[in-house]
């Protein structure tokens, strides 16, 4: 709980800066998202894990019946909600919580997005396992993760910052490490690769087995 509180304070402080950074990648993210939301149905339920300032959840809302937008930062959610109101979107429910919230029922979600979040979680493997639990058979998880393990200088800076309490813990993933994490949780890997050339941003698309 203390780790979550520390991370929440950090993201509250940096929410406006984060929103500006997100805008730099907006076109890349939206092109990637559009590729995967075409198969969604009007009665589907989606979740945007680590919704941040709302870029992803606001993009997918028109394709589904409902989106749960989940984040631990109230300031991030405030920015995301303003964007939702500006676009007159009615089917996003913002929740300041984590994926382990008991309100989310097993096999209740059709589509989960996790952009720039898996490397920040205290127990990434437990979170991926929970994602598998929440998805319906045939449901998809779409993740994008910066691989700090391929950025030695940034890795060093973030490690020092975490030790002195300035930034939350960061996992230094490399590509195969994250793929293996999904496979260990019984996901079928549908697609994976670098999101954009010359950037250490990688995506993994996983499918829960069963009818879909």
Foldseek 3Di string as FASTA:
>chain_A
DVLLVLQQVLCLVCLVVVVVVCVVCLVLVLVVLVVPLPPAAAAFEEEEFQCFQASNVLSNLVHYQAYEYEAQHPNRVVNNVVVCVVVVRDHYDYDNDHLPPPVQAFQRHQEYEYEAHLQQDPDSLVNLLSVLRRHHAFGKYKYKHQQCLVVVVVVVVQVVCVVVSNHGGGHNDDDVVVVVSNVVSVWDWPDKDASDPPGRIIMTMTGHHDDD
